[in-house]
Amino acid sequence: MERDQQFLEYVVKALADHPEDVKITRTVDEMGVLLTLSVNKEDMGKIIGRSGQTAKAIRTVLRVVGMKNDARVNLKIEEPEGSEREGAAPEPYVRDTTVDDVIKDLKGE
């Protein structure tokens, strides 16, 4: 197992409640190294973090590990089976909002 993959496995398993479900595949092509991460759906929030900050931090450190080994390393986090994410905003936020509506909200009307 390569150092970038070992690092990712160590960090993700430390964060996850279900470390036995952590799976990492490593592929190398002309673009560099691609690490594909699969975790239990209950652990997704911990791995991604608030506004994606944890995932961003992991990607940053992975790039540093890659630079040390003269490789460009990227991370892809697979969405788990049975995920509830639909890609659309929740129902209360789905509506046609006009500039007038926003101004009324700002004025408290």
N, C-alpha and C. Protein backbone atom coordinates (compact mmCIF):
# COMPACT_ATOMS: atom_id res chain seq x y z
N MET A 1 0.85 -1.18 0.00
CA MET A 1 0.00 0.00 0.00
C MET A 1 0.90 1.24 0.00
N GLU A 2 0.57 2.20 -0.84
CA GLU A 2 1.36 3.42 -0.96
C GLU A 2 1.12 4.34 0.23
N ARG A 3 2.04 5.28 0.44
CA ARG A 3 1.95 6.16 1.60
C ARG A 3 0.69 7.03 1.58
N ASP A 4 0.29 7.53 0.40
CA ASP A 4 -0.91 8.37 0.34
C ASP A 4 -2.14 7.57 0.75
N GLN A 5 -2.22 6.34 0.32
CA GLN A 5 -3.35 5.48 0.67
C GLN A 5 -3.31 5.12 2.16
N GLN A 6 -2.12 4.85 2.69
CA GLN A 6 -1.98 4.55 4.12
C GLN A 6 -2.41 5.74 4.97
N PHE A 7 -1.99 6.93 4.56
CA PHE A 7 -2.36 8.14 5.30
C PHE A 7 -3.87 8.32 5.32
N LEU A 8 -4.50 8.21 4.14
CA LEU A 8 -5.94 8.39 4.05
C LEU A 8 -6.67 7.35 4.90
N GLU A 9 -6.23 6.12 4.85
CA GLU A 9 -6.88 5.07 5.63
C GLU A 9 -6.76 5.37 7.13
N TYR A 10 -5.59 5.80 7.56
CA TYR A 10 -5.37 6.10 8.97
C TYR A 10 -6.30 7.22 9.45
N VAL A 11 -6.38 8.31 8.68
CA VAL A 11 -7.19 9.46 9.07
C VAL A 11 -8.67 9.12 9.07
N VAL A 12 -9.14 8.49 8.01
CA VAL A 12 -10.57 8.21 7.88
C VAL A 12 -11.03 7.19 8.93
N LYS A 13 -10.22 6.17 9.17
CA LYS A 13 -10.61 5.18 10.17
C LYS A 13 -10.64 5.78 11.56
N ALA A 14 -9.78 6.77 11.81
CA ALA A 14 -9.78 7.45 13.11
C ALA A 14 -11.05 8.28 13.29
N LEU A 15 -11.59 8.82 12.20
CA LEU A 15 -12.80 9.65 12.26
C LEU A 15 -14.09 8.82 12.27
N ALA A 16 -14.06 7.66 11.66
CA ALA A 16 -15.28 6.88 11.41
C ALA A 16 -15.72 6.08 12.63
N ASP A 17 -17.03 5.95 12.78
CA ASP A 17 -17.61 5.07 13.80
C ASP A 17 -17.61 3.62 13.32
N HIS A 18 -17.54 3.44 12.01
CA HIS A 18 -17.53 2.10 11.40
C HIS A 18 -16.26 1.94 10.56
N PRO A 19 -15.08 1.85 11.21
CA PRO A 19 -13.83 1.77 10.44
C PRO A 19 -13.73 0.52 9.57
N GLU A 20 -14.48 -0.51 9.92
CA GLU A 20 -14.45 -1.74 9.11
C GLU A 20 -15.08 -1.53 7.73
N ASP A 21 -15.88 -0.48 7.57
CA ASP A 21 -16.53 -0.20 6.29
C ASP A 21 -15.72 0.73 5.39
N VAL A 22 -14.58 1.19 5.85
CA VAL A 22 -13.75 2.10 5.06
C VAL A 22 -13.05 1.30 3.96
N LYS A 23 -13.25 1.74 2.71
CA LYS A 23 -12.61 1.09 1.57
C LYS A 23 -11.98 2.17 0.69
N ILE A 24 -10.75 1.94 0.31
CA ILE A 24 -10.02 2.91 -0.51
C ILE A 24 -9.44 2.17 -1.71
N THR A 25 -9.72 2.71 -2.90
CA THR A 25 -9.10 2.17 -4.10
C THR A 25 -8.17 3.24 -4.66
N ARG A 26 -7.05 2.81 -5.19
CA ARG A 26 -6.04 3.73 -5.71
C ARG A 26 -5.80 3.41 -7.17
N THR A 27 -5.96 4.42 -8.02
CA THR A 27 -5.67 4.26 -9.44
C THR A 27 -4.70 5.34 -9.87
N VAL A 28 -3.82 4.98 -10.80
CA VAL A 28 -2.82 5.90 -11.31
C VAL A 28 -3.00 6.01 -12.81
N ASP A 29 -3.04 7.24 -13.31
CA ASP A 29 -3.09 7.47 -14.76
C ASP A 29 -2.24 8.69 -15.09
N GLU A 30 -2.38 9.20 -16.30
CA GLU A 30 -1.57 10.35 -16.73
C GLU A 30 -1.89 11.62 -15.94
N MET A 31 -3.05 11.68 -15.28
CA MET A 31 -3.43 12.85 -14.49
C MET A 31 -2.85 12.79 -13.07
N GLY A 32 -2.40 11.62 -12.65
CA GLY A 32 -1.86 11.46 -11.30
C GLY A 32 -2.53 10.31 -10.58
N VAL A 33 -2.61 10.43 -9.27
CA VAL A 33 -3.19 9.39 -8.42
C VAL A 33 -4.60 9.79 -8.02
N LEU A 34 -5.52 8.85 -8.13
CA LEU A 34 -6.89 9.08 -7.69
C LEU A 34 -7.19 8.07 -6.59
N LEU A 35 -7.49 8.59 -5.40
CA LEU A 35 -7.92 7.75 -4.29
C LEU A 35 -9.44 7.88 -4.19
N THR A 36 -10.12 6.75 -4.27
CA THR A 36 -11.58 6.74 -4.17
C THR A 36 -11.96 6.15 -2.82
N LEU A 37 -12.69 6.94 -2.04
CA LEU A 37 -13.03 6.57 -0.67
C LEU A 37 -14.49 6.18 -0.58
N SER A 38 -14.75 5.07 0.09
CA SER A 38 -16.11 4.61 0.35
C SER A 38 -16.21 4.36 1.85
N VAL A 39 -17.24 4.94 2.48
CA VAL A 39 -17.46 4.77 3.92
C VAL A 39 -18.92 4.42 4.18
N ASN A 40 -19.19 4.00 5.38
CA ASN A 40 -20.56 3.74 5.82
C ASN A 40 -21.34 5.05 5.74
N LYS A 41 -22.62 4.98 5.34
CA LYS A 41 -23.39 6.21 5.18
C LYS A 41 -23.55 6.99 6.47
N GLU A 42 -23.47 6.32 7.62
CA GLU A 42 -23.55 7.02 8.90
C GLU A 42 -22.30 7.86 9.19
N ASP A 43 -21.20 7.53 8.53
CA ASP A 43 -19.93 8.25 8.74
C ASP A 43 -19.71 9.38 7.74
N MET A 44 -20.56 9.50 6.75
CA MET A 44 -20.36 10.51 5.71
C MET A 44 -20.23 11.92 6.27
N GLY A 45 -21.08 12.28 7.19
CA GLY A 45 -21.05 13.62 7.76
C GLY A 45 -19.73 13.93 8.45
N LYS A 46 -19.18 12.95 9.14
CA LYS A 46 -17.91 13.16 9.82
C LYS A 46 -16.77 13.32 8.84
N ILE A 47 -16.80 12.58 7.76
CA ILE A 47 -15.72 12.62 6.77
C ILE A 47 -15.79 13.92 5.97
N ILE A 48 -16.98 14.35 5.61
CA ILE A 48 -17.13 15.58 4.82
C ILE A 48 -17.01 16.80 5.71
N GLY A 49 -17.63 16.77 6.88
CA GLY A 49 -17.54 17.90 7.81
C GLY A 49 -18.49 19.01 7.44
N ARG A 50 -18.59 20.00 8.33
CA ARG A 50 -19.48 21.13 8.10
C ARG A 50 -18.99 21.92 6.90
N SER A 51 -19.86 22.10 5.93
CA SER A 51 -19.56 22.82 4.69
C SER A 51 -18.38 22.22 3.94
N GLY A 52 -18.11 20.94 4.16
CA GLY A 52 -17.03 20.27 3.44
C GLY A 52 -15.64 20.57 3.94
N GLN A 53 -15.53 21.18 5.13
CA GLN A 53 -14.23 21.60 5.63
C GLN A 53 -13.30 20.43 5.96
N THR A 54 -13.83 19.35 6.50
CA THR A 54 -12.98 18.21 6.83
C THR A 54 -12.45 17.56 5.56
N ALA A 55 -13.32 17.36 4.58
CA ALA A 55 -12.88 16.78 3.31
C ALA A 55 -11.84 17.66 2.63
N LYS A 56 -12.04 18.97 2.70
CA LYS A 56 -11.09 19.91 2.10
C LYS A 56 -9.73 19.79 2.78
N ALA A 57 -9.73 19.68 4.11
CA ALA A 57 -8.48 19.55 4.85
C ALA A 57 -7.76 18.24 4.50
N ILE A 58 -8.51 17.16 4.40
CA ILE A 58 -7.92 15.87 4.04
C ILE A 58 -7.31 15.96 2.65
N ARG A 59 -8.02 16.58 1.70
CA ARG A 59 -7.49 16.73 0.34
C ARG A 59 -6.21 17.56 0.33
N THR A 60 -6.17 18.61 1.13
CA THR A 60 -4.98 19.46 1.18
C THR A 60 -3.77 18.68 1.68
N VAL A 61 -3.94 17.95 2.76
CA VAL A 61 -2.82 17.18 3.30
C VAL A 61 -2.43 16.05 2.34
N LEU A 62 -3.40 15.45 1.66
CA LEU A 62 -3.08 14.42 0.66
C LEU A 62 -2.23 14.99 -0.47
N ARG A 63 -2.51 16.22 -0.88
CA ARG A 63 -1.70 16.85 -1.93
C ARG A 63 -0.27 17.05 -1.45
N VAL A 64 -0.11 17.41 -0.18
CA VAL A 64 1.23 17.58 0.38
C VAL A 64 1.97 16.24 0.41
N VAL A 65 1.28 15.18 0.84
CA VAL A 65 1.87 13.85 0.84
C VAL A 65 2.26 13.47 -0.59
N GLY A 66 1.41 13.79 -1.54
CA GLY A 66 1.71 13.49 -2.94
C GLY A 66 2.91 14.26 -3.45
N MET A 67 3.00 15.54 -3.09
CA MET A 67 4.14 16.35 -3.54
C MET A 67 5.45 15.78 -3.02
N LYS A 68 5.42 15.27 -1.81
CA LYS A 68 6.62 14.67 -1.22
C LYS A 68 7.07 13.45 -2.02
N ASN A 69 6.12 12.80 -2.67
CA ASN A 69 6.41 11.60 -3.47
C ASN A 69 6.33 11.88 -4.97
N ASP A 70 6.37 13.16 -5.35
CA ASP A 70 6.34 13.57 -6.77
C ASP A 70 5.11 13.04 -7.50
N ALA A 71 3.95 13.16 -6.87
CA ALA A 71 2.70 12.70 -7.49
C ALA A 71 1.59 13.70 -7.19
N ARG A 72 0.66 13.82 -8.12
CA ARG A 72 -0.52 14.64 -7.89
C ARG A 72 -1.62 13.71 -7.39
N VAL A 73 -2.08 13.97 -6.17
CA VAL A 73 -3.05 13.08 -5.53
C VAL A 73 -4.39 13.79 -5.41
N ASN A 74 -5.44 13.12 -5.85
CA ASN A 74 -6.81 13.64 -5.74
C ASN A 74 -7.66 12.63 -4.97
N LEU A 75 -8.68 13.15 -4.30
CA LEU A 75 -9.57 12.31 -3.51
C LEU A 75 -10.99 12.43 -4.03
N LYS A 76 -11.61 11.28 -4.26
CA LYS A 76 -13.02 11.23 -4.64
C LYS A 76 -13.75 10.48 -3.53
N ILE A 77 -14.79 11.08 -2.99
CA ILE A 77 -15.58 10.44 -1.95
C ILE A 77 -16.88 9.95 -2.58
N GLU A 78 -17.06 8.63 -2.58
CA GLU A 78 -18.25 8.05 -3.20
C GLU A 78 -19.45 8.22 -2.28
N GLU A 79 -20.58 8.54 -2.88
CA GLU A 79 -21.82 8.63 -2.12
C GLU A 79 -22.31 7.21 -1.84
N PRO A 80 -22.61 6.90 -0.57
CA PRO A 80 -22.99 5.52 -0.22
C PRO A 80 -24.35 5.13 -0.78
N GLU A 81 -24.52 3.82 -0.92
CA GLU A 81 -25.81 3.28 -1.36
C GLU A 81 -26.89 3.66 -0.36
N GLY A 82 -28.07 3.98 -0.84
CA GLY A 82 -29.18 4.31 0.04
C GLY A 82 -29.09 5.70 0.63
N SER A 83 -28.28 6.54 0.02
CA SER A 83 -28.14 7.90 0.53
C SER A 83 -29.44 8.66 0.35
N GLU A 84 -29.73 9.55 1.28
CA GLU A 84 -30.99 10.29 1.23
C GLU A 84 -30.84 11.62 0.52
N ARG A 85 -29.65 11.96 0.10
CA ARG A 85 -29.41 13.24 -0.56
C ARG A 85 -30.03 13.24 -1.94
N GLU A 86 -30.90 14.16 -2.19
CA GLU A 86 -31.61 14.24 -3.47
C GLU A 86 -30.99 15.27 -4.39
N GLY A 87 -30.27 16.22 -3.85
CA GLY A 87 -29.69 17.26 -4.69
C GLY A 87 -30.57 18.49 -4.79
N ALA A 88 -31.77 18.43 -4.29
CA ALA A 88 -32.67 19.58 -4.34
C ALA A 88 -32.81 20.18 -2.94
N ALA A 89 -33.19 21.41 -2.89
CA ALA A 89 -33.40 22.08 -1.60
C ALA A 89 -34.63 21.51 -0.93
N PRO A 90 -34.68 21.54 0.39
CA PRO A 90 -35.89 21.07 1.08
C PRO A 90 -37.12 21.87 0.66
N GLU A 91 -38.27 21.30 0.82
CA GLU A 91 -39.51 21.88 0.34
C GLU A 91 -39.75 23.33 0.77
N PRO A 92 -39.52 23.74 2.02
CA PRO A 92 -39.82 25.13 2.39
C PRO A 92 -39.00 26.16 1.62
N TYR A 93 -37.88 25.77 1.07
CA TYR A 93 -37.01 26.71 0.37
C TYR A 93 -37.22 26.72 -1.13
N VAL A 94 -38.02 25.79 -1.63
CA VAL A 94 -38.26 25.72 -3.06
C VAL A 94 -39.45 26.60 -3.39
N ARG A 95 -39.18 27.75 -3.97
CA ARG A 95 -40.25 28.63 -4.44
C ARG A 95 -39.63 29.72 -5.29
N ASP A 96 -40.43 30.35 -6.06
CA ASP A 96 -39.95 31.46 -6.88
C ASP A 96 -39.88 32.70 -6.01
N THR A 97 -38.68 33.16 -5.75
CA THR A 97 -38.48 34.34 -4.93
C THR A 97 -38.11 35.50 -5.84
N THR A 98 -38.81 36.60 -5.68
CA THR A 98 -38.51 37.79 -6.47
C THR A 98 -37.71 38.77 -5.63
N VAL A 99 -37.17 39.77 -6.26
CA VAL A 99 -36.43 40.82 -5.57
C VAL A 99 -37.36 41.52 -4.58
N ASP A 100 -38.60 41.72 -4.98
CA ASP A 100 -39.58 42.36 -4.09
C ASP A 100 -39.78 41.54 -2.81
N ASP A 101 -39.84 40.22 -2.94
CA ASP A 101 -39.99 39.35 -1.77
C ASP A 101 -38.81 39.51 -0.82
N VAL A 102 -37.61 39.56 -1.37
CA VAL A 102 -36.41 39.70 -0.55
C VAL A 102 -36.42 41.04 0.17
N ILE A 103 -36.79 42.10 -0.52
CA ILE A 103 -36.84 43.43 0.09
C ILE A 103 -37.88 43.45 1.22
N LYS A 104 -39.06 42.84 0.98
CA LYS A 104 -40.06 42.77 2.03
C LYS A 104 -39.55 42.01 3.25
N ASP A 105 -38.83 40.92 3.02
CA ASP A 105 -38.26 40.16 4.15
C ASP A 105 -37.25 41.01 4.91
N LEU A 106 -36.44 41.75 4.22
CA LEU A 106 -35.45 42.59 4.86
C LEU A 106 -36.09 43.71 5.68
N LYS A 107 -37.20 44.21 5.17
CA LYS A 107 -37.91 45.28 5.89
C LYS A 107 -38.77 44.72 6.99
N GLY A 108 -38.96 43.42 7.02
CA GLY A 108 -39.79 42.81 8.05
C GLY A 108 -41.26 42.88 7.76
N GLU A 109 -41.63 43.03 6.53
CA GLU A 109 -43.05 43.12 6.15
C GLU A 109 -43.66 41.77 5.95
